[in-house]
Amino acid sequence: EKILRTSNFIRNFLLGVKKNNQEKLDLIYKDIPDGFLSWALDN
């Protein structure tokens, strides 16, 4: 799950994340409870 939580080219491209907002998205993902991100995306 940590790969999904950290900034990388694939994630930023798919989401359309602008360069100046990548750090903000990292902080949002950091606050997501462990396991929830993988569960939600898989479902």
ModelCIF file with pLDDT and N, C-alpha, C, O atoms, coordinates in Angstrom:
data_MODEL
#
_entry.id   MODEL 
#
_entity.id                         1 
_entity.type                       polymer 
_entity.pdbx_number_of_molecules   1 
#
_entity_poly.entity_id                      1 
_entity_poly.type                           'polypeptide(L)' 
_entity_poly.nstd_linkage                   no 
_entity_poly.nstd_monomer                   no 
_entity_poly.pdbx_seq_one_letter_code       EKILRTSNFIRNFLLGVKKNNQEKLDLIYKDIPDGFLSWALDN 
_entity_poly.pdbx_seq_one_letter_code_can   EKILRTSNFIRNFLLGVKKNNQEKLDLIYKDIPDGFLSWALDN 
_entity_poly.pdbx_strand_id                 A 
#
loop_
_entity_poly_seq.entity_id 
_entity_poly_seq.num 
_entity_poly_seq.mon_id 
_entity_poly_seq.hetero 
1 1  GLU n 
1 2  LYS n 
1 3  ILE n 
1 4  LEU n 
1 5  ARG n 
1 6  THR n 
1 7  SER n 
1 8  ASN n 
1 9  PHE n 
1 10 ILE n 
1 11 ARG n 
1 12 ASN n 
1 13 PHE n 
1 14 LEU n 
1 15 LEU n 
1 16 GLY n 
1 17 VAL n 
1 18 LYS n 
1 19 LYS n 
1 20 ASN n 
1 21 ASN n 
1 22 GLN n 
1 23 GLU n 
1 24 LYS n 
1 25 LEU n 
1 26 ASP n 
1 27 LEU n 
1 28 ILE n 
1 29 TYR n 
1 30 LYS n 
1 31 ASP n 
1 32 ILE n 
1 33 PRO n 
1 34 ASP n 
1 35 GLY n 
1 36 PHE n 
1 37 LEU n 
1 38 SER n 
1 39 TRP n 
1 40 ALA n 
1 41 LEU n 
1 42 ASP n 
1 43 ASN n 
#
_struct_asym.id          A 
_struct_asym.entity_id   1 
#
loop_
_ma_qa_metric.id 
_ma_qa_metric.mode 
_ma_qa_metric.name 
_ma_qa_metric.software_group_id 
_ma_qa_metric.type 
1 global pLDDT . pLDDT 
2 local  pLDDT . pLDDT 
#
_ma_qa_metric_global.metric_id      1 
_ma_qa_metric_global.metric_value   72.35 
_ma_qa_metric_global.model_id       1 
_ma_qa_metric_global.ordinal_id     1 
#
loop_
_ma_qa_metric_local.label_asym_id 
_ma_qa_metric_local.label_comp_id 
_ma_qa_metric_local.label_seq_id 
_ma_qa_metric_local.metric_id 
_ma_qa_metric_local.metric_value 
_ma_qa_metric_local.model_id 
_ma_qa_metric_local.ordinal_id 
A GLU 1  2 78.00 1 1  
A LYS 2  2 75.00 1 2  
A ILE 3  2 73.00 1 3  
A LEU 4  2 72.00 1 4  
A ARG 5  2 75.00 1 5  
A THR 6  2 74.00 1 6  
A SER 7  2 70.00 1 7  
A ASN 8  2 69.00 1 8  
A PHE 9  2 69.00 1 9  
A ILE 10 2 63.00 1 10 
A ARG 11 2 64.00 1 11 
A ASN 12 2 66.00 1 12 
A PHE 13 2 63.00 1 13 
A LEU 14 2 56.00 1 14 
A LEU 15 2 61.00 1 15 
A GLY 16 2 58.00 1 16 
A VAL 17 2 62.00 1 17 
A LYS 18 2 63.00 1 18 
A LYS 19 2 66.00 1 19 
A ASN 20 2 61.00 1 20 
A ASN 21 2 62.00 1 21 
A GLN 22 2 65.00 1 22 
A GLU 23 2 66.00 1 23 
A LYS 24 2 63.00 1 24 
A LEU 25 2 66.00 1 25 
A ASP 26 2 68.00 1 26 
A LEU 27 2 65.00 1 27 
A ILE 28 2 67.00 1 28 
A TYR 29 2 68.00 1 29 
A LYS 30 2 69.00 1 30 
A ASP 31 2 70.00 1 31 
A ILE 32 2 78.00 1 32 
A PRO 33 2 80.00 1 33 
A ASP 34 2 81.00 1 34 
A GLY 35 2 86.00 1 35 
A PHE 36 2 89.00 1 36 
A LEU 37 2 85.00 1 37 
A SER 38 2 87.00 1 38 
A TRP 39 2 92.00 1 39 
A ALA 40 2 91.00 1 40 
A LEU 41 2 88.00 1 41 
A ASP 42 2 92.00 1 42 
A ASN 43 2 95.00 1 43 
#
loop_
_atom_site.group_PDB 
_atom_site.id 
_atom_site.type_symbol 
_atom_site.label_atom_id 
_atom_site.label_alt_id 
_atom_site.label_comp_id 
_atom_site.label_asym_id 
_atom_site.label_entity_id 
_atom_site.label_seq_id 
_atom_site.pdbx_PDB_ins_code 
_atom_site.Cartn_x 
_atom_site.Cartn_y 
_atom_site.Cartn_z 
_atom_site.occupancy 
_atom_site.B_iso_or_equiv 
_atom_site.pdbx_formal_charge 
_atom_site.auth_seq_id 
_atom_site.auth_comp_id 
_atom_site.auth_asym_id 
_atom_site.auth_atom_id 
_atom_site.pdbx_PDB_model_num 
ATOM 1   N N  . GLU A 1 1  ? 0.815   -1.212 0.000   1.00 78.00 ? 1  GLU A N  1 
ATOM 2   C CA . GLU A 1 1  ? 0.000   0.000  0.000   1.00 78.00 ? 1  GLU A CA 1 
ATOM 3   C C  . GLU A 1 1  ? 0.854   1.271  0.000   1.00 78.00 ? 1  GLU A C  1 
ATOM 4   O O  . GLU A 1 1  ? 0.420   2.311  -0.494  1.00 78.00 ? 1  GLU A O  1 
ATOM 5   N N  . LYS A 1 2  ? 2.049   1.187  0.546   1.00 75.00 ? 2  LYS A N  1 
ATOM 6   C CA . LYS A 1 2  ? 2.896   2.383  0.619   1.00 75.00 ? 2  LYS A CA 1 
ATOM 7   C C  . LYS A 1 2  ? 3.248   2.910  -0.773  1.00 75.00 ? 2  LYS A C  1 
ATOM 8   O O  . LYS A 1 2  ? 3.531   4.097  -0.932  1.00 75.00 ? 2  LYS A O  1 
ATOM 9   N N  . ILE A 1 3  ? 3.232   2.035  -1.778  1.00 73.00 ? 3  ILE A N  1 
ATOM 10  C CA . ILE A 1 3  ? 3.491   2.489  -3.150  1.00 73.00 ? 3  ILE A CA 1 
ATOM 11  C C  . ILE A 1 3  ? 2.352   3.388  -3.625  1.00 73.00 ? 3  ILE A C  1 
ATOM 12  O O  . ILE A 1 3  ? 2.576   4.369  -4.333  1.00 73.00 ? 3  ILE A O  1 
ATOM 13  N N  . LEU A 1 4  ? 1.127   3.040  -3.225  1.00 72.00 ? 4  LEU A N  1 
ATOM 14  C CA . LEU A 1 4  ? -0.033  3.836  -3.611  1.00 72.00 ? 4  LEU A CA 1 
ATOM 15  C C  . LEU A 1 4  ? -0.064  5.182  -2.886  1.00 72.00 ? 4  LEU A C  1 
ATOM 16  O O  . LEU A 1 4  ? -0.621  6.159  -3.387  1.00 72.00 ? 4  LEU A O  1 
ATOM 17  N N  . ARG A 1 5  ? 0.540   5.215  -1.706  1.00 75.00 ? 5  ARG A N  1 
ATOM 18  C CA . ARG A 1 5  ? 0.486   6.417  -0.882  1.00 75.00 ? 5  ARG A CA 1 
ATOM 19  C C  . ARG A 1 5  ? 1.531   7.459  -1.258  1.00 75.00 ? 5  ARG A C  1 
ATOM 20  O O  . ARG A 1 5  ? 1.369   8.637  -0.943  1.00 75.00 ? 5  ARG A O  1 
ATOM 21  N N  . THR A 1 6  ? 2.595   7.044  -1.924  1.00 74.00 ? 6  THR A N  1 
ATOM 22  C CA . THR A 1 6  ? 3.698   7.962  -2.210  1.00 74.00 ? 6  THR A CA 1 
ATOM 23  C C  . THR A 1 6  ? 3.623   8.486  -3.644  1.00 74.00 ? 6  THR A C  1 
ATOM 24  O O  . THR A 1 6  ? 3.119   7.820  -4.548  1.00 74.00 ? 6  THR A O  1 
ATOM 25  N N  . SER A 1 7  ? 4.139   9.691  -3.817  1.00 70.00 ? 7  SER A N  1 
ATOM 26  C CA . SER A 1 7  ? 4.109   10.333 -5.129  1.00 70.00 ? 7  SER A CA 1 
ATOM 27  C C  . SER A 1 7  ? 4.969   9.579  -6.136  1.00 70.00 ? 7  SER A C  1 
ATOM 28  O O  . SER A 1 7  ? 6.124   9.253  -5.863  1.00 70.00 ? 7  SER A O  1 
ATOM 29  N N  . ASN A 1 8  ? 4.389   9.305  -7.306  1.00 69.00 ? 8  ASN A N  1 
ATOM 30  C CA . ASN A 1 8  ? 5.138   8.674  -8.391  1.00 69.00 ? 8  ASN A CA 1 
ATOM 31  C C  . ASN A 1 8  ? 4.480   9.057  -9.710  1.00 69.00 ? 8  ASN A C  1 
ATOM 32  O O  . ASN A 1 8  ? 3.345   9.533  -9.737  1.00 69.00 ? 8  ASN A O  1 
ATOM 33  N N  . PHE A 1 9  ? 5.198   8.846  -10.788 1.00 69.00 ? 9  PHE A N  1 
ATOM 34  C CA . PHE A 1 9  ? 4.735   9.319  -12.095 1.00 69.00 ? 9  PHE A CA 1 
ATOM 35  C C  . PHE A 1 9  ? 3.387   8.731  -12.474 1.00 69.00 ? 9  PHE A C  1 
ATOM 36  O O  . PHE A 1 9  ? 2.507   9.456  -12.938 1.00 69.00 ? 9  PHE A O  1 
ATOM 37  N N  . ILE A 1 10 ? 3.209   7.419  -12.283 1.00 63.00 ? 10 ILE A N  1 
ATOM 38  C CA . ILE A 1 10 ? 1.968   6.758  -12.711 1.00 63.00 ? 10 ILE A CA 1 
ATOM 39  C C  . ILE A 1 10 ? 0.773   7.320  -11.950 1.00 63.00 ? 10 ILE A C  1 
ATOM 40  O O  . ILE A 1 10 ? -0.245  7.669  -12.547 1.00 63.00 ? 10 ILE A O  1 
ATOM 41  N N  . ARG A 1 11 ? 0.906   7.406  -10.616 1.00 64.00 ? 11 ARG A N  1 
ATOM 42  C CA . ARG A 1 11 ? -0.203  7.925  -9.822  1.00 64.00 ? 11 ARG A CA 1 
ATOM 43  C C  . ARG A 1 11 ? -0.535  9.360  -10.209 1.00 64.00 ? 11 ARG A C  1 
ATOM 44  O O  . ARG A 1 11 ? -1.704  9.702  -10.384 1.00 64.00 ? 11 ARG A O  1 
ATOM 45  N N  . ASN A 1 12 ? 0.473   10.189 -10.339 1.00 66.00 ? 12 ASN A N  1 
ATOM 46  C CA . ASN A 1 12 ? 0.240   11.596 -10.640 1.00 66.00 ? 12 ASN A CA 1 
ATOM 47  C C  . ASN A 1 12 ? -0.348  11.787 -12.036 1.00 66.00 ? 12 ASN A C  1 
ATOM 48  O O  . ASN A 1 12 ? -1.169  12.678 -12.249 1.00 66.00 ? 12 ASN A O  1 
ATOM 49  N N  . PHE A 1 13 ? 0.073   10.948 -12.990 1.00 63.00 ? 13 PHE A N  1 
ATOM 50  C CA . PHE A 1 13 ? -0.472  11.036 -14.349 1.00 63.00 ? 13 PHE A CA 1 
ATOM 51  C C  . PHE A 1 13 ? -1.935  10.634 -14.371 1.00 63.00 ? 13 PHE A C  1 
ATOM 52  O O  . PHE A 1 13 ? -2.769  11.332 -14.948 1.00 63.00 ? 13 PHE A O  1 
ATOM 53  N N  . LEU A 1 14 ? -2.247  9.506  -13.743 1.00 56.00 ? 14 LEU A N  1 
ATOM 54  C CA . LEU A 1 14 ? -3.626  9.005  -13.768 1.00 56.00 ? 14 LEU A CA 1 
ATOM 55  C C  . LEU A 1 14 ? -4.585  9.975  -13.090 1.00 56.00 ? 14 LEU A C  1 
ATOM 56  O O  . LEU A 1 14 ? -5.691  10.203 -13.581 1.00 56.00 ? 14 LEU A O  1 
ATOM 57  N N  . LEU A 1 15 ? -4.166  10.546 -11.965 1.00 61.00 ? 15 LEU A N  1 
ATOM 58  C CA . LEU A 1 15 ? -5.027  11.456 -11.233 1.00 61.00 ? 15 LEU A CA 1 
ATOM 59  C C  . LEU A 1 15 ? -5.020  12.861 -11.810 1.00 61.00 ? 15 LEU A C  1 
ATOM 60  O O  . LEU A 1 15 ? -5.883  13.679 -11.491 1.00 61.00 ? 15 LEU A O  1 
ATOM 61  N N  . GLY A 1 16 ? -4.036  13.135 -12.665 1.00 58.00 ? 16 GLY A N  1 
ATOM 62  C CA . GLY A 1 16 ? -3.923  14.483 -13.207 1.00 58.00 ? 16 GLY A CA 1 
ATOM 63  C C  . GLY A 1 16 ? -3.440  15.469 -12.171 1.00 58.00 ? 16 GLY A C  1 
ATOM 64  O O  . GLY A 1 16 ? -3.868  16.623 -12.146 1.00 58.00 ? 16 GLY A O  1 
ATOM 65  N N  . VAL A 1 17 ? -2.536  15.003 -11.308 1.00 62.00 ? 17 VAL A N  1 
ATOM 66  C CA . VAL A 1 17 ? -2.051  15.844 -10.218 1.00 62.00 ? 17 VAL A CA 1 
ATOM 67  C C  . VAL A 1 17 ? -1.020  16.839 -10.745 1.00 62.00 ? 17 VAL A C  1 
ATOM 68  O O  . VAL A 1 17 ? -0.031  16.456 -11.370 1.00 62.00 ? 17 VAL A O  1 
ATOM 69  N N  . LYS A 1 18 ? -1.265  18.102 -10.484 1.00 63.00 ? 18 LYS A N  1 
ATOM 70  C CA . LYS A 1 18 ? -0.306  19.118 -10.879 1.00 63.00 ? 18 LYS A CA 1 
ATOM 71  C C  . LYS A 1 18 ? 0.894   19.088 -9.940  1.00 63.00 ? 18 LYS A C  1 
ATOM 72  O O  . LYS A 1 18 ? 0.775   18.720 -8.772  1.00 63.00 ? 18 LYS A O  1 
ATOM 73  N N  . LYS A 1 19 ? 2.049   19.479 -10.466 1.00 66.00 ? 19 LYS A N  1 
ATOM 74  C CA . LYS A 1 19 ? 3.291   19.360 -9.726  1.00 66.00 ? 19 LYS A CA 1 
ATOM 75  C C  . LYS A 1 19 ? 3.233   20.049 -8.369  1.00 66.00 ? 19 LYS A C  1 
ATOM 76  O O  . LYS A 1 19 ? 3.746   19.530 -7.378  1.00 66.00 ? 19 LYS A O  1 
ATOM 77  N N  . ASN A 1 20 ? 2.605   21.222 -8.333  1.00 61.00 ? 20 ASN A N  1 
ATOM 78  C CA . ASN A 1 20 ? 2.570   21.968 -7.074  1.00 61.00 ? 20 ASN A CA 1 
ATOM 79  C C  . ASN A 1 20 ? 1.564   21.412 -6.072  1.00 61.00 ? 20 ASN A C  1 
ATOM 80  O O  . ASN A 1 20 ? 1.462   21.924 -4.958  1.00 61.00 ? 20 ASN A O  1 
ATOM 81  N N  . ASN A 1 21 ? 0.811   20.363 -6.451  1.00 62.00 ? 21 ASN A N  1 
ATOM 82  C CA . ASN A 1 21 ? -0.161  19.756 -5.538  1.00 62.00 ? 21 ASN A CA 1 
ATOM 83  C C  . ASN A 1 21 ? 0.208   18.334 -5.119  1.00 62.00 ? 21 ASN A C  1 
ATOM 84  O O  . ASN A 1 21 ? -0.544  17.694 -4.383  1.00 62.00 ? 21 ASN A O  1 
ATOM 85  N N  . GLN A 1 22 ? 1.353   17.834 -5.576  1.00 65.00 ? 22 GLN A N  1 
ATOM 86  C CA . GLN A 1 22 ? 1.732   16.461 -5.256  1.00 65.00 ? 22 GLN A CA 1 
ATOM 87  C C  . GLN A 1 22 ? 1.957   16.271 -3.760  1.00 65.00 ? 22 GLN A C  1 
ATOM 88  O O  . GLN A 1 22 ? 1.560   15.256 -3.188  1.00 65.00 ? 22 GLN A O  1 
ATOM 89  N N  . GLU A 1 23 ? 2.592   17.250 -3.136  1.00 66.00 ? 23 GLU A N  1 
ATOM 90  C CA . GLU A 1 23 ? 2.862   17.145 -1.698  1.00 66.00 ? 23 GLU A CA 1 
ATOM 91  C C  . GLU A 1 23 ? 1.569   17.155 -0.896  1.00 66.00 ? 23 GLU A C  1 
ATOM 92  O O  . GLU A 1 23 ? 1.444   16.443 0.101   1.00 66.00 ? 23 GLU A O  1 
ATOM 93  N N  . LYS A 1 24 ? 0.598   17.974 -1.339  1.00 63.00 ? 24 LYS A N  1 
ATOM 94  C CA . LYS A 1 24 ? -0.691  18.029 -0.649  1.00 63.00 ? 24 LYS A CA 1 
ATOM 95  C C  . LYS A 1 24 ? -1.405  16.680 -0.715  1.00 63.00 ? 24 LYS A C  1 
ATOM 96  O O  . LYS A 1 24 ? -1.992  16.237 0.272   1.00 63.00 ? 24 LYS A O  1 
ATOM 97  N N  . LEU A 1 25 ? -1.356  16.024 -1.888  1.00 66.00 ? 25 LEU A N  1 
ATOM 98  C CA . LEU A 1 25 ? -1.994  14.716 -2.036  1.00 66.00 ? 25 LEU A CA 1 
ATOM 99  C C  . LEU A 1 25 ? -1.301  13.676 -1.162  1.00 66.00 ? 25 LEU A C  1 
ATOM 100 O O  . LEU A 1 25 ? -1.959  12.805 -0.593  1.00 66.00 ? 25 LEU A O  1 
ATOM 101 N N  . ASP A 1 26 ? 0.032   13.765 -1.051  1.00 68.00 ? 26 ASP A N  1 
ATOM 102 C CA . ASP A 1 26 ? 0.761   12.850 -0.174  1.00 68.00 ? 26 ASP A CA 1 
ATOM 103 C C  . ASP A 1 26 ? 0.270   12.971 1.263   1.00 68.00 ? 26 ASP A C  1 
ATOM 104 O O  . ASP A 1 26 ? 0.130   11.965 1.958   1.00 68.00 ? 26 ASP A O  1 
ATOM 105 N N  . LEU A 1 27 ? 0.010   14.188 1.708   1.00 65.00 ? 27 LEU A N  1 
ATOM 106 C CA . LEU A 1 27 ? -0.460  14.409 3.079   1.00 65.00 ? 27 LEU A CA 1 
ATOM 107 C C  . LEU A 1 27 ? -1.865  13.845 3.268   1.00 65.00 ? 27 LEU A C  1 
ATOM 108 O O  . LEU A 1 27 ? -2.176  13.294 4.324   1.00 65.00 ? 27 LEU A O  1 
ATOM 109 N N  . ILE A 1 28 ? -2.720  13.983 2.241   1.00 67.00 ? 28 ILE A N  1 
ATOM 110 C CA . ILE A 1 28 ? -4.077  13.426 2.326   1.00 67.00 ? 28 ILE A CA 1 
ATOM 111 C C  . ILE A 1 28 ? -4.010  11.907 2.445   1.00 67.00 ? 28 ILE A C  1 
ATOM 112 O O  . ILE A 1 28 ? -4.688  11.310 3.281   1.00 67.00 ? 28 ILE A O  1 
ATOM 113 N N  . TYR A 1 29 ? -3.184  11.286 1.598   1.00 68.00 ? 29 TYR A N  1 
ATOM 114 C CA . TYR A 1 29 ? -3.057  9.835  1.626   1.00 68.00 ? 29 TYR A CA 1 
ATOM 115 C C  . TYR A 1 29 ? -2.453  9.350  2.938   1.00 68.00 ? 29 TYR A C  1 
ATOM 116 O O  . TYR A 1 29 ? -2.770  8.256  3.406   1.00 68.00 ? 29 TYR A O  1 
ATOM 117 N N  . LYS A 1 30 ? -1.589  10.156 3.525   1.00 69.00 ? 30 LYS A N  1 
ATOM 118 C CA . LYS A 1 30 ? -0.945  9.773  4.785   1.00 69.00 ? 30 LYS A CA 1 
ATOM 119 C C  . LYS A 1 30 ? -1.972  9.593  5.901   1.00 69.00 ? 30 LYS A C  1 
ATOM 120 O O  . LYS A 1 30 ? -1.778  8.782  6.807   1.00 69.00 ? 30 LYS A O  1 
ATOM 121 N N  . ASP A 1 31 ? -3.073  10.359 5.830   1.00 70.00 ? 31 ASP A N  1 
ATOM 122 C CA . ASP A 1 31 ? -4.095  10.312 6.883   1.00 70.00 ? 31 ASP A CA 1 
ATOM 123 C C  . ASP A 1 31 ? -5.103  9.181  6.694   1.00 70.00 ? 31 ASP A C  1 
ATOM 124 O O  . ASP A 1 31 ? -5.934  8.952  7.573   1.00 70.00 ? 31 ASP A O  1 
ATOM 125 N N  . ILE A 1 32 ? -5.048  8.467  5.566   1.00 78.00 ? 32 ILE A N  1 
ATOM 126 C CA . ILE A 1 32 ? -5.976  7.363  5.327   1.00 78.00 ? 32 ILE A CA 1 
ATOM 127 C C  . ILE A 1 32 ? -5.575  6.171  6.191   1.00 78.00 ? 32 ILE A C  1 
ATOM 128 O O  . ILE A 1 32 ? -4.402  5.798  6.202   1.00 78.00 ? 32 ILE A O  1 
ATOM 129 N N  . PRO A 1 33 ? -6.516  5.565  6.916   1.00 80.00 ? 33 PRO A N  1 
ATOM 130 C CA . PRO A 1 33 ? -6.179  4.421  7.778   1.00 80.00 ? 33 PRO A CA 1 
ATOM 131 C C  . PRO A 1 33 ? -5.508  3.293  6.993   1.00 80.00 ? 33 PRO A C  1 
ATOM 132 O O  . PRO A 1 33 ? -5.825  3.066  5.825   1.00 80.00 ? 33 PRO A O  1 
ATOM 133 N N  . ASP A 1 34 ? -4.591  2.598  7.638   1.00 81.00 ? 34 ASP A N  1 
ATOM 134 C CA . ASP A 1 34 ? -3.881  1.485  7.007   1.00 81.00 ? 34 ASP A CA 1 
ATOM 135 C C  . ASP A 1 34 ? -4.874  0.455  6.477   1.00 81.00 ? 34 ASP A C  1 
ATOM 136 O O  . ASP A 1 34 ? -5.810  0.060  7.172   1.00 81.00 ? 34 ASP A O  1 
ATOM 137 N N  . GLY A 1 35 ? -4.658  0.033  5.250   1.00 86.00 ? 35 GLY A N  1 
ATOM 138 C CA . GLY A 1 35 ? -5.484  -1.008 4.649   1.00 86.00 ? 35 GLY A CA 1 
ATOM 139 C C  . GLY A 1 35 ? -6.686  -0.484 3.884   1.00 86.00 ? 35 GLY A C  1 
ATOM 140 O O  . GLY A 1 35 ? -7.206  -1.176 3.009   1.00 86.00 ? 35 GLY A O  1 
ATOM 141 N N  . PHE A 1 36 ? -7.141  0.733  4.197   1.00 89.00 ? 36 PHE A N  1 
ATOM 142 C CA . PHE A 1 36 ? -8.371  1.233  3.564   1.00 89.00 ? 36 PHE A CA 1 
ATOM 143 C C  . PHE A 1 36 ? -8.162  1.545  2.088   1.00 89.00 ? 36 PHE A C  1 
ATOM 144 O O  . PHE A 1 36 ? -9.033  1.264  1.265   1.00 89.00 ? 36 PHE A O  1 
ATOM 145 N N  . LEU A 1 37 ? -7.021  2.119  1.751   1.00 85.00 ? 37 LEU A N  1 
ATOM 146 C CA . LEU A 1 37 ? -6.767  2.508  0.365   1.00 85.00 ? 37 LEU A CA 1 
ATOM 147 C C  . LEU A 1 37 ? -6.777  1.294  -0.558  1.00 85.00 ? 37 LEU A C  1 
ATOM 148 O O  . LEU A 1 37 ? -7.435  1.308  -1.598  1.00 85.00 ? 37 LEU A O  1 
ATOM 149 N N  . SER A 1 38 ? -6.047  0.243  -0.179  1.00 87.00 ? 38 SER A N  1 
ATOM 150 C CA . SER A 1 38 ? -6.002  -0.975 -1.002  1.00 87.00 ? 38 SER A CA 1 
ATOM 151 C C  . SER A 1 38 ? -7.377  -1.622 -1.090  1.00 87.00 ? 38 SER A C  1 
ATOM 152 O O  . SER A 1 38 ? -7.796  -2.063 -2.161  1.00 87.00 ? 38 SER A O  1 
ATOM 153 N N  . TRP A 1 39 ? -8.076  -1.677 0.037   1.00 92.00 ? 39 TRP A N  1 
ATOM 154 C CA . TRP A 1 39 ? -9.419  -2.277 0.046   1.00 92.00 ? 39 TRP A CA 1 
ATOM 155 C C  . TRP A 1 39 ? -10.360 -1.516 -0.874  1.00 92.00 ? 39 TRP A C  1 
ATOM 156 O O  . TRP A 1 39 ? -11.075 -2.120 -1.674  1.00 92.00 ? 39 TRP A O  1 
ATOM 157 N N  . ALA A 1 40 ? -10.362 -0.185 -0.763  1.00 91.00 ? 40 ALA A N  1 
ATOM 158 C CA . ALA A 1 40 ? -11.284 0.630  -1.551  1.00 91.00 ? 40 ALA A CA 1 
ATOM 159 C C  . ALA A 1 40 ? -10.998 0.499  -3.044  1.00 91.00 ? 40 ALA A C  1 
ATOM 160 O O  . ALA A 1 40 ? -11.923 0.306  -3.833  1.00 91.00 ? 40 ALA A O  1 
ATOM 161 N N  . LEU A 1 41 ? -9.746  0.599  -3.435  1.00 88.00 ? 41 LEU A N  1 
ATOM 162 C CA . LEU A 1 41 ? -9.405  0.518  -4.851  1.00 88.00 ? 41 LEU A CA 1 
ATOM 163 C C  . LEU A 1 41 ? -9.691  -0.870 -5.417  1.00 88.00 ? 41 LEU A C  1 
ATOM 164 O O  . LEU A 1 41 ? -10.188 -0.994 -6.537  1.00 88.00 ? 41 LEU A O  1 
ATOM 165 N N  . ASP A 1 42 ? -9.382  -1.905 -4.656  1.00 92.00 ? 42 ASP A N  1 
ATOM 166 C CA . ASP A 1 42 ? -9.643  -3.274 -5.111  1.00 92.00 ? 42 ASP A CA 1 
ATOM 167 C C  . ASP A 1 42 ? -11.133 -3.490 -5.336  1.00 92.00 ? 42 ASP A C  1 
ATOM 168 O O  . ASP A 1 42 ? -11.530 -4.113 -6.320  1.00 92.00 ? 42 ASP A O  1 
ATOM 169 N N  . ASN A 1 43 ? -11.961 -2.976 -4.425  1.00 95.00 ? 43 ASN A N  1 
ATOM 170 C CA . ASN A 1 43 ? -13.404 -3.156 -4.557  1.00 95.00 ? 43 ASN A CA 1 
ATOM 171 C C  . ASN A 1 43 ? -13.992 -2.307 -5.678  1.00 95.00 ? 43 ASN A C  1 
ATOM 172 O O  . ASN A 1 43 ? -15.199 -2.348 -5.915  1.00 95.00 ? 43 ASN A O  1 
#
